[in-house]
PDB file of N, CA and C in Angstrom:
ATOM      1  N   MET A   1       0.855  -1.168   0.000  1.00  0.00           N
ATOM      2  CA  MET A   1       0.000   0.000   0.000  1.00  0.00           C
ATOM      3  C   MET A   1       0.901   1.231   0.000  1.00  0.00           C
ATOM      4  N   LYS A   2       0.616   2.129  -0.864  1.00  0.00           N
ATOM      5  CA  LYS A   2       1.410   3.355  -0.954  1.00  0.00           C
ATOM      6  C   LYS A   2       1.080   4.264   0.226  1.00  0.00           C
ATOM      7  N   ASN A   3       2.057   5.077   0.631  1.00  0.00           N
ATOM      8  CA  ASN A   3       1.866   5.979   1.772  1.00  0.00           C
ATOM      9  C   ASN A   3       0.661   6.887   1.586  1.00  0.00           C
ATOM     10  N   ARG A   4       0.477   7.399   0.367  1.00  0.00           N
ATOM     11  CA  ARG A   4      -0.654   8.283   0.118  1.00  0.00           C
ATOM     12  C   ARG A   4      -1.973   7.557   0.363  1.00  0.00           C
ATOM     13  N   HIS A   5      -2.068   6.310  -0.096  1.00  0.00           N
ATOM     14  CA  HIS A   5      -3.286   5.536   0.117  1.00  0.00           C
ATOM     15  C   HIS A   5      -3.518   5.279   1.609  1.00  0.00           C
ATOM     16  N   PHE A   6      -2.436   4.947   2.294  1.00  0.00           N
ATOM     17  CA  PHE A   6      -2.551   4.697   3.729  1.00  0.00           C
ATOM     18  C   PHE A   6      -3.011   5.962   4.450  1.00  0.00           C
ATOM     19  N   ASN A   7      -2.438   7.088   4.092  1.00  0.00           N
ATOM     20  CA  ASN A   7      -2.821   8.357   4.731  1.00  0.00           C
ATOM     21  C   ASN A   7      -4.272   8.712   4.439  1.00  0.00           C
ATOM     22  N   GLU A   8      -4.730   8.460   3.212  1.00  0.00           N
ATOM     23  CA  GLU A   8      -6.132   8.719   2.870  1.00  0.00           C
ATOM     24  C   GLU A   8      -7.056   7.814   3.675  1.00  0.00           C
ATOM     25  N   LEU A   9      -6.688   6.537   3.772  1.00  0.00           N
ATOM     26  CA  LEU A   9      -7.492   5.592   4.538  1.00  0.00           C
ATOM     27  C   LEU A   9      -7.534   5.995   6.008  1.00  0.00           C
ATOM     28  N   THR A  10      -6.395   6.364   6.553  1.00  0.00           N
ATOM     29  CA  THR A  10      -6.337   6.786   7.953  1.00  0.00           C
ATOM     30  C   THR A  10      -7.211   8.016   8.188  1.00  0.00           C
ATOM     31  N   ALA A  11      -7.161   8.970   7.277  1.00  0.00           N
ATOM     32  CA  ALA A  11      -7.995  10.168   7.404  1.00  0.00           C
ATOM     33  C   ALA A  11      -9.466   9.805   7.357  1.00  0.00           C
ATOM     34  N   ASN A  12      -9.847   8.882   6.478  1.00  0.00           N
ATOM     35  CA  ASN A  12     -11.244   8.453   6.407  1.00  0.00           C
ATOM     36  C   ASN A  12     -11.679   7.747   7.682  1.00  0.00           C
ATOM     37  N   ILE A  13     -10.802   6.953   8.244  1.00  0.00           N
ATOM     38  CA  ILE A  13     -11.125   6.250   9.492  1.00  0.00           C
ATOM     39  C   ILE A  13     -11.328   7.253  10.617  1.00  0.00           C
ATOM     40  N   HIS A  14     -10.433   8.233  10.723  1.00  0.00           N
ATOM     41  CA  HIS A  14     -10.568   9.247  11.770  1.00  0.00           C
ATOM     42  C   HIS A  14     -11.859  10.040  11.590  1.00  0.00           C
ATOM     43  N   GLU A  15     -12.186  10.356  10.357  1.00  0.00           N
ATOM     44  CA  GLU A  15     -13.428  11.080  10.088  1.00  0.00           C
ATOM     45  C   GLU A  15     -14.635  10.236  10.497  1.00  0.00           C
ATOM     46  N   SER A  16     -14.607   8.944  10.183  1.00  0.00           N
ATOM     47  CA  SER A  16     -15.711   8.058  10.568  1.00  0.00           C
ATOM     48  C   SER A  16     -15.842   7.962  12.082  1.00  0.00           C
ATOM     49  N   ILE A  17     -14.718   7.893  12.764  1.00  0.00           N
ATOM     50  CA  ILE A  17     -14.738   7.828  14.230  1.00  0.00           C
ATOM     51  C   ILE A  17     -15.347   9.104  14.802  1.00  0.00           C
ATOM     52  N   ASN A  18     -14.958  10.249  14.258  1.00  0.00           N
ATOM     53  CA  ASN A  18     -15.501  11.515  14.737  1.00  0.00           C
ATOM     54  C   ASN A  18     -16.993  11.620  14.478  1.00  0.00           C
ATOM     55  N   ILE A  19     -17.447  11.157  13.314  1.00  0.00           N
ATOM     56  CA  ILE A  19     -18.864  11.236  12.972  1.00  0.00           C
ATOM     57  C   ILE A  19     -19.693  10.306  13.855  1.00  0.00           C
ATOM     58  N   THR A  20     -19.217   9.086  14.062  1.00  0.00           N
ATOM     59  CA  THR A  20     -19.998   8.099  14.812  1.00  0.00           C
ATOM     60  C   THR A  20     -19.788   8.183  16.316  1.00  0.00           C
ATOM     61  N   GLY A  21     -18.722   8.857  16.744  1.00  0.00           N
ATOM     62  CA  GLY A  21     -18.448   8.958  18.172  1.00  0.00           C
ATOM     63  C   GLY A  21     -17.812   7.702  18.747  1.00  0.00           C
ATOM     64  N   ILE A  22     -17.342   6.824  17.883  1.00  0.00           N
ATOM     65  CA  ILE A  22     -16.705   5.595  18.351  1.00  0.00           C
ATOM     66  C   ILE A  22     -15.355   5.941  18.950  1.00  0.00           C
ATOM     67  N   ALA A  23     -15.093   5.417  20.136  1.00  0.00           N
ATOM     68  CA  ALA A  23     -13.818   5.709  20.785  1.00  0.00           C
ATOM     69  C   ALA A  23     -13.129   4.432  21.235  1.00  0.00           C
ATOM     70  N   THR A  24     -13.337   3.342  20.515  1.00  0.00           N
ATOM     71  CA  THR A  24     -12.712   2.075  20.852  1.00  0.00           C
ATOM     72  C   THR A  24     -11.232   2.132  20.532  1.00  0.00           C
ATOM     73  N   LYS A  25     -10.422   1.735  21.475  1.00  0.00           N
ATOM     74  CA  LYS A  25      -8.988   1.693  21.237  1.00  0.00           C
ATOM     75  C   LYS A  25      -8.668   0.543  20.298  1.00  0.00           C
ATOM     76  N   ALA A  26      -7.686   0.738  19.447  1.00  0.00           N
ATOM     77  CA  ALA A  26      -7.295  -0.302  18.493  1.00  0.00           C
ATOM     78  C   ALA A  26      -6.903  -1.587  19.203  1.00  0.00           C
ATOM     79  N   SER A  27      -6.246  -1.473  20.351  1.00  0.00           N
ATOM     80  CA  SER A  27      -5.843  -2.676  21.075  1.00  0.00           C
ATOM     81  C   SER A  27      -7.054  -3.459  21.557  1.00  0.00           C
ATOM     82  N   GLN A  28      -8.122  -2.774  21.922  1.00  0.00           N
ATOM     83  CA  GLN A  28      -9.344  -3.462  22.326  1.00  0.00           C
ATOM     84  C   GLN A  28      -9.967  -4.169  21.131  1.00  0.00           C
ATOM     85  N   LEU A  29      -9.942  -3.537  19.980  1.00  0.00           N
ATOM     86  CA  LEU A  29     -10.488  -4.128  18.776  1.00  0.00           C
ATOM     87  C   LEU A  29      -9.722  -5.392  18.423  1.00  0.00           C
ATOM     88  N   ASN A  30      -8.405  -5.344  18.501  1.00  0.00           N
ATOM     89  CA  ASN A  30      -7.596  -6.513  18.178  1.00  0.00           C
ATOM     90  C   ASN A  30      -7.881  -7.676  19.115  1.00  0.00           C
ATOM     91  N   GLN A  31      -8.121  -7.385  20.371  1.00  0.00           N
ATOM     92  CA  GLN A  31      -8.332  -8.441  21.341  1.00  0.00           C
ATOM     93  C   GLN A  31      -9.669  -9.143  21.151  1.00  0.00           C
ATOM     94  N   CYS A  32     -10.682  -8.423  20.711  1.00  0.00           N
ATOM     95  CA  CYS A  32     -12.001  -9.031  20.649  1.00  0.00           C
ATOM     96  C   CYS A  32     -12.393  -9.508  19.257  1.00  0.00           C
ATOM     97  N   PHE A  33     -11.689  -9.119  18.224  1.00  0.00           N
ATOM     98  CA  PHE A  33     -12.070  -9.471  16.864  1.00  0.00           C
ATOM     99  C   PHE A  33     -11.157 -10.548  16.306  1.00  0.00           C
ATOM    100  N   GLU A  34     -11.721 -11.695  16.034  1.00  0.00           N
ATOM    101  CA  GLU A  34     -10.998 -12.769  15.359  1.00  0.00           C
ATOM    102  C   GLU A  34     -11.656 -12.956  14.005  1.00  0.00           C
ATOM    103  N   PRO A  35     -11.031 -12.441  12.960  1.00  0.00           N
ATOM    104  CA  PRO A  35     -11.675 -12.422  11.654  1.00  0.00           C
ATOM    105  C   PRO A  35     -11.822 -13.801  11.014  1.00  0.00           C
ATOM    106  N   ASP A  36     -12.951 -14.009  10.382  1.00  0.00           N
ATOM    107  CA  ASP A  36     -13.170 -15.172   9.529  1.00  0.00           C
ATOM    108  C   ASP A  36     -12.890 -14.671   8.119  1.00  0.00           C
ATOM    109  N   VAL A  37     -11.644 -14.794   7.695  1.00  0.00           N
ATOM    110  CA  VAL A  37     -11.182 -14.190   6.446  1.00  0.00           C
ATOM    111  C   VAL A  37     -11.990 -14.691   5.259  1.00  0.00           C
ATOM    112  N   LYS A  38     -12.245 -15.974   5.207  1.00  0.00           N
ATOM    113  CA  LYS A  38     -12.995 -16.531   4.078  1.00  0.00           C
ATOM    114  C   LYS A  38     -14.407 -15.955   4.026  1.00  0.00           C
ATOM    115  N   ALA A  39     -15.063 -15.857   5.171  1.00  0.00           N
ATOM    116  CA  ALA A  39     -16.423 -15.307   5.210  1.00  0.00           C
ATOM    117  C   ALA A  39     -16.430 -13.837   4.791  1.00  0.00           C
ATOM    118  N   ILE A  40     -15.455 -13.073   5.261  1.00  0.00           N
ATOM    119  CA  ILE A  40     -15.367 -11.654   4.890  1.00  0.00           C
ATOM    120  C   ILE A  40     -15.163 -11.535   3.384  1.00  0.00           C
ATOM    121  N   ARG A  41     -14.235 -12.315   2.853  1.00  0.00           N
ATOM    122  CA  ARG A  41     -13.931 -12.267   1.423  1.00  0.00           C
ATOM    123  C   ARG A  41     -15.138 -12.690   0.583  1.00  0.00           C
ATOM    124  N   GLU A  42     -15.760 -13.785   0.955  1.00  0.00           N
ATOM    125  CA  GLU A  42     -16.906 -14.271   0.189  1.00  0.00           C
ATOM    126  C   GLU A  42     -18.092 -13.315   0.282  1.00  0.00           C
ATOM    127  N   ASN A  43     -18.255 -12.676   1.427  1.00  0.00           N
ATOM    128  CA  ASN A  43     -19.357 -11.733   1.611  1.00  0.00           C
ATOM    129  C   ASN A  43     -19.275 -10.555   0.645  1.00  0.00           C
ATOM    130  N   ILE A  44     -18.064 -10.148   0.302  1.00  0.00           N
ATOM    131  CA  ILE A  44     -17.933  -9.027  -0.634  1.00  0.00           C
ATOM    132  C   ILE A  44     -17.749  -9.504  -2.073  1.00  0.00           C
ATOM    133  N   GLY A  45     -17.727 -10.825  -2.273  1.00  0.00           N
ATOM    134  CA  GLY A  45     -17.687 -11.386  -3.616  1.00  0.00           C
ATOM    135  C   GLY A  45     -16.347 -11.306  -4.318  1.00  0.00           C
ATOM    136  N   PHE A  46     -15.259 -11.311  -3.559  1.00  0.00           N
ATOM    137  CA  PHE A  46     -13.925 -11.226  -4.147  1.00  0.00           C
ATOM    138  C   PHE A  46     -13.291 -12.615  -4.202  1.00  0.00           C
ATOM    139  N   SER A  47     -12.490 -12.838  -5.253  1.00  0.00           N
ATOM    140  CA  SER A  47     -11.653 -14.031  -5.306  1.00  0.00           C
ATOM    141  C   SER A  47     -10.525 -13.849  -4.289  1.00  0.00           C
ATOM    142  N   GLN A  48      -9.820 -14.940  -3.994  1.00  0.00           N
ATOM    143  CA  GLN A  48      -8.684 -14.823  -3.079  1.00  0.00           C
ATOM    144  C   GLN A  48      -7.649 -13.845  -3.630  1.00  0.00           C
ATOM    145  N   SER A  49      -7.393 -13.907  -4.905  1.00  0.00           N
ATOM    146  CA  SER A  49      -6.392 -13.038  -5.527  1.00  0.00           C
ATOM    147  C   SER A  49      -6.810 -11.570  -5.450  1.00  0.00           C
ATOM    148  N   LYS A  50      -8.052 -11.285  -5.780  1.00  0.00           N
ATOM    149  CA  LYS A  50      -8.542  -9.905  -5.740  1.00  0.00           C
ATOM    150  C   LYS A  50      -8.549  -9.378  -4.305  1.00  0.00           C
ATOM    151  N   PHE A  51      -8.921 -10.235  -3.347  1.00  0.00           N
ATOM    152  CA  PHE A  51      -8.952  -9.826  -1.944  1.00  0.00           C
ATOM    153  C   PHE A  51      -7.530  -9.547  -1.449  1.00  0.00           C
ATOM    154  N   ALA A  52      -6.579 -10.379  -1.846  1.00  0.00           N
ATOM    155  CA  ALA A  52      -5.176 -10.157  -1.463  1.00  0.00           C
ATOM    156  C   ALA A  52      -4.702  -8.806  -1.976  1.00  0.00           C
ATOM    157  N   ASP A  53      -5.058  -8.494  -3.219  1.00  0.00           N
ATOM    158  CA  ASP A  53      -4.680  -7.194  -3.784  1.00  0.00           C
ATOM    159  C   ASP A  53      -5.336  -6.051  -3.011  1.00  0.00           C
ATOM    160  N   LEU A  54      -6.605  -6.225  -2.646  1.00  0.00           N
ATOM    161  CA  LEU A  54      -7.331  -5.180  -1.916  1.00  0.00           C
ATOM    162  C   LEU A  54      -6.628  -4.797  -0.625  1.00  0.00           C
ATOM    163  N   ILE A  55      -6.252  -5.808   0.155  1.00  0.00           N
ATOM    164  CA  ILE A  55      -5.678  -5.496   1.466  1.00  0.00           C
ATOM    165  C   ILE A  55      -4.154  -5.483   1.474  1.00  0.00           C
ATOM    166  N   GLY A  56      -3.544  -5.691   0.307  1.00  0.00           N
ATOM    167  CA  GLY A  56      -2.095  -5.540   0.193  1.00  0.00           C
ATOM    168  C   GLY A  56      -1.267  -6.650   0.793  1.00  0.00           C
ATOM    169  N   VAL A  57      -1.769  -7.885   0.675  1.00  0.00           N
ATOM    170  CA  VAL A  57      -0.989  -9.025   1.156  1.00  0.00           C
ATOM    171  C   VAL A  57      -0.809 -10.019   0.020  1.00  0.00           C
ATOM    172  N   ASN A  58       0.085 -10.957   0.224  1.00  0.00           N
ATOM    173  CA  ASN A  58       0.357 -12.002  -0.742  1.00  0.00           C
ATOM    174  C   ASN A  58      -0.817 -12.976  -0.793  1.00  0.00           C
ATOM    175  N   LEU A  59      -1.094 -13.534  -1.972  1.00  0.00           N
ATOM    176  CA  LEU A  59      -2.165 -14.522  -2.127  1.00  0.00           C
ATOM    177  C   LEU A  59      -1.971 -15.685  -1.158  1.00  0.00           C
ATOM    178  N   ARG A  60      -0.748 -16.130  -0.985  1.00  0.00           N
ATOM    179  CA  ARG A  60      -0.474 -17.253  -0.077  1.00  0.00           C
ATOM    180  C   ARG A  60      -0.863 -16.909   1.366  1.00  0.00           C
ATOM    181  N   THR A  61      -0.730 -15.658   1.733  1.00  0.00           N
ATOM    182  CA  THR A  61      -1.140 -15.230   3.074  1.00  0.00           C
ATOM    183  C   THR A  61      -2.633 -15.426   3.253  1.00  0.00           C
ATOM    184  N   ILE A  62      -3.425 -15.025   2.259  1.00  0.00           N
ATOM    185  CA  ILE A  62      -4.875 -15.228   2.319  1.00  0.00           C
ATOM    186  C   ILE A  62      -5.184 -16.713   2.446  1.00  0.00           C
ATOM    187  N   GLN A  63      -4.525 -17.520   1.641  1.00  0.00           N
ATOM    188  CA  GLN A  63      -4.755 -18.965   1.684  1.00  0.00           C
ATOM    189  C   GLN A  63      -4.415 -19.548   3.056  1.00  0.00           C
ATOM    190  N   ASN A  64      -3.303 -19.116   3.630  1.00  0.00           N
ATOM    191  CA  ASN A  64      -2.911 -19.588   4.964  1.00  0.00           C
ATOM    192  C   ASN A  64      -3.927 -19.169   6.022  1.00  0.00           C
ATOM    193  N   TRP A  65      -4.427 -17.940   5.934  1.00  0.00           N
ATOM    194  CA  TRP A  65      -5.434 -17.476   6.890  1.00  0.00           C
ATOM    195  C   TRP A  65      -6.707 -18.302   6.749  1.00  0.00           C
ATOM    196  N   GLU A  66      -7.151 -18.497   5.525  1.00  0.00           N
ATOM    197  CA  GLU A  66      -8.409 -19.217   5.311  1.00  0.00           C
ATOM    198  C   GLU A  66      -8.310 -20.688   5.702  1.00  0.00           C
ATOM    199  N   GLN A  67      -7.145 -21.273   5.565  1.00  0.00           N
ATOM    200  CA  GLN A  67      -6.964 -22.682   5.911  1.00  0.00           C
ATOM    201  C   GLN A  67      -6.623 -22.880   7.383  1.00  0.00           C
ATOM    202  N   GLY A  68      -6.472 -21.778   8.111  1.00  0.00           N
ATOM    203  CA  GLY A  68      -6.193 -21.868   9.540  1.00  0.00           C
ATOM    204  C   GLY A  68      -4.746 -22.151   9.887  1.00  0.00           C
ATOM    205  N   HIS A  69      -3.857 -22.070   8.902  1.00  0.00           N
ATOM    206  CA  HIS A  69      -2.431 -22.298   9.184  1.00  0.00           C
ATOM    207  C   HIS A  69      -1.814 -21.115   9.913  1.00  0.00           C
ATOM    208  N   ARG A  70      -2.354 -19.947   9.652  1.00  0.00           N
ATOM    209  CA  ARG A  70      -1.903 -18.708  10.298  1.00  0.00           C
ATOM    210  C   ARG A  70      -3.120 -17.849  10.579  1.00  0.00           C
ATOM    211  N   SER A  71      -2.928 -16.836  11.413  1.00  0.00           N
ATOM    212  CA  SER A  71      -4.010 -15.905  11.733  1.00  0.00           C
ATOM    213  C   SER A  71      -3.526 -14.476  11.523  1.00  0.00           C
ATOM    214  N   PRO A  72      -4.413 -13.621  11.047  1.00  0.00           N
ATOM    215  CA  PRO A  72      -4.032 -12.208  10.902  1.00  0.00           C
ATOM    216  C   PRO A  72      -3.747 -11.591  12.264  1.00  0.00           C
ATOM    217  N   THR A  73      -2.815 -10.652  12.287  1.00  0.00           N
ATOM    218  CA  THR A  73      -2.482  -9.956  13.526  1.00  0.00           C
ATOM    219  C   THR A  73      -2.374  -8.463  13.258  1.00  0.00           C
ATOM    220  N   GLY A  74      -2.343  -7.693  14.309  1.00  0.00           N
ATOM    221  CA  GLY A  74      -2.084  -6.255  14.241  1.00  0.00           C
ATOM    222  C   GLY A  74      -2.899  -5.516  13.211  1.00  0.00           C
ATOM    223  N   PRO A  75      -2.233  -4.738  12.362  1.00  0.00           N
ATOM    224  CA  PRO A  75      -2.928  -3.919  11.367  1.00  0.00           C
ATOM    225  C   PRO A  75      -3.798  -4.727  10.410  1.00  0.00           C
ATOM    226  N   ALA A  76      -3.394  -5.963  10.112  1.00  0.00           N
ATOM    227  CA  ALA A  76      -4.202  -6.794   9.216  1.00  0.00           C
ATOM    228  C   ALA A  76      -5.571  -7.084   9.836  1.00  0.00           C
ATOM    229  N   LYS A  77      -5.603  -7.337  11.144  1.00  0.00           N
ATOM    230  CA  LYS A  77      -6.884  -7.580  11.821  1.00  0.00           C
ATOM    231  C   LYS A  77      -7.774  -6.345  11.764  1.00  0.00           C
ATOM    232  N   VAL A  78      -7.173  -5.198  11.969  1.00  0.00           N
ATOM    233  CA  VAL A  78      -7.943  -3.957  11.938  1.00  0.00           C
ATOM    234  C   VAL A  78      -8.494  -3.723  10.539  1.00  0.00           C
ATOM    235  N   LEU A  79      -7.652  -3.896   9.524  1.00  0.00           N
ATOM    236  CA  LEU A  79      -8.101  -3.695   8.152  1.00  0.00           C
ATOM    237  C   LEU A  79      -9.198  -4.692   7.783  1.00  0.00           C
ATOM    238  N   LEU A  80      -9.067  -5.938   8.208  1.00  0.00           N
ATOM    239  CA  LEU A  80     -10.106  -6.929   7.936  1.00  0.00           C
ATOM    240  C   LEU A  80     -11.423  -6.544   8.591  1.00  0.00           C
ATOM    241  N   ARG A  81     -11.351  -6.013   9.790  1.00  0.00           N
ATOM    242  CA  ARG A  81     -12.572  -5.554  10.472  1.00  0.00           C
ATOM    243  C   ARG A  81     -13.211  -4.409   9.688  1.00  0.00           C
ATOM    244  N   LEU A  82     -12.413  -3.490   9.209  1.00  0.00           N
ATOM    245  CA  LEU A  82     -12.939  -2.375   8.417  1.00  0.00           C
ATOM    246  C   LEU A  82     -13.572  -2.872   7.126  1.00  0.00           C
ATOM    247  N   VAL A  83     -12.933  -3.830   6.472  1.00  0.00           N
ATOM    248  CA  VAL A  83     -13.495  -4.406   5.250  1.00  0.00           C
ATOM    249  C   VAL A  83     -14.820  -5.087   5.569  1.00  0.00           C
ATOM    250  N   GLN A  84     -14.874  -5.773   6.694  1.00  0.00           N
ATOM    251  CA  GLN A  84     -16.102  -6.456   7.091  1.00  0.00           C
ATOM    252  C   GLN A  84     -17.233  -5.454   7.344  1.00  0.00           C
ATOM    253  N   VAL A  85     -16.924  -4.348   7.987  1.00  0.00           N
ATOM    254  CA  VAL A  85     -17.936  -3.358   8.345  1.00  0.00           C
ATOM    255  C   VAL A  85     -18.403  -2.565   7.135  1.00  0.00           C
ATOM    256  N   ASP A  86     -17.466  -2.123   6.288  1.00  0.00           N
ATOM    257  CA  ASP A  86     -17.842  -1.286   5.140  1.00  0.00           C
ATOM    258  C   ASP A  86     -16.820  -1.434   4.025  1.00  0.00           C
ATOM    259  N   HIS A  87     -16.930  -2.506   3.276  1.00  0.00           N
ATOM    260  CA  HIS A  87     -15.929  -2.768   2.234  1.00  0.00           C
ATOM    261  C   HIS A  87     -15.962  -1.717   1.132  1.00  0.00           C
ATOM    262  N   LYS A  88     -17.119  -1.134   0.870  1.00  0.00           N
ATOM    263  CA  LYS A  88     -17.190  -0.109  -0.181  1.00  0.00           C
ATOM    264  C   LYS A  88     -16.361   1.118   0.199  1.00  0.00           C
ATOM    265  N   LEU A  89     -16.401   1.514   1.460  1.00  0.00           N
ATOM    266  CA  LEU A  89     -15.590   2.640   1.920  1.00  0.00           C
ATOM    267  C   LEU A  89     -14.104   2.339   1.730  1.00  0.00           C
ATOM    268  N   ILE A  90     -13.709   1.125   2.077  1.00  0.00           N
ATOM    269  CA  ILE A  90     -12.303   0.750   1.973  1.00  0.00           C
ATOM    270  C   ILE A  90     -11.869   0.730   0.509  1.00  0.00           C
ATOM    271  N   VAL A  91     -12.658   0.103  -0.359  1.00  0.00           N
ATOM    272  CA  VAL A  91     -12.317   0.043  -1.782  1.00  0.00           C
ATOM    273  C   VAL A  91     -12.240   1.453  -2.358  1.00  0.00           C
ATOM    274  N   ASN A  92     -13.230   2.270  -2.051  1.00  0.00           N
ATOM    275  CA  ASN A  92     -13.242   3.644  -2.567  1.00  0.00           C
ATOM    276  C   ASN A  92     -12.078   4.459  -2.021  1.00  0.00           C
ATOM    277  N   SER A  93     -11.743   4.268  -0.765  1.00  0.00           N
ATOM    278  CA  SER A  93     -10.648   5.020  -0.152  1.00  0.00           C
ATOM    279  C   SER A  93      -9.299   4.630  -0.746  1.00  0.00           C
ATOM    280  N   LEU A  94      -9.111   3.359  -0.992  1.00  0.00           N
ATOM    281  CA  LEU A  94      -7.823   2.887  -1.480  1.00  0.00           C
ATOM    282  C   LEU A  94      -7.652   3.052  -2.985  1.00  0.00           C
ATOM    283  N   TYR A  95      -8.750   2.948  -3.709  1.00  0.00           N
ATOM    284  CA  TYR A  95      -8.632   2.898  -5.166  1.00  0.00           C
ATOM    285  C   TYR A  95      -9.428   3.954  -5.912  1.00  0.00           C
ATOM    286  N   ALA A  96      -9.814   5.009  -5.234  1.00  0.00           N
ATOM    287  CA  ALA A  96     -10.632   6.060  -5.863  1.00  0.00           C
ATOM    288  C   ALA A  96      -9.952   6.649  -7.089  1.00  0.00           C
ATOM    289  N   ASN A  97      -8.661   6.807  -7.056  1.00  0.00           N
ATOM    290  CA  ASN A  97      -7.935   7.399  -8.180  1.00  0.00           C
ATOM    291  C   ASN A  97      -7.492   6.387  -9.220  1.00  0.00           C
ATOM    292  N   HIS A  98      -7.788   5.106  -8.998  1.00  0.00           N
ATOM    293  CA  HIS A  98      -7.349   4.055  -9.916  1.00  0.00           C
ATOM    294  C   HIS A  98      -8.464   3.489 -10.747  1.00  0.00           C
ATOM    295  N   VAL A  99      -9.687   3.884 -10.476  1.00  0.00           N
ATOM    296  CA  VAL A  99     -10.829   3.294 -11.190  1.00  0.00           C
ATOM    297  C   VAL A  99     -11.204   4.135 -12.369  1.00  0.00           C
TER     298      VAL A  99
END
């Protein structure tokens, strides 16, 4: 993910937090959210390859997560939660200038 895209996404997240009044700490989110990567991906209708591109990870990483060989941690968990909550916002935020 390019720095500009990350900064745009971060700004959108902060704006959403301010609008909704959500004040959950990221560490609390990480502790309580265990993503079902396959369910999140299938819910938005993406192939494994397209989903890997969306969140900026290797295809093999997606496969390992879905097969239970590994689990997402840190920023990946947060991004997966955001995709689960509002994938259109994430896609638009990351790729608005590429479509």
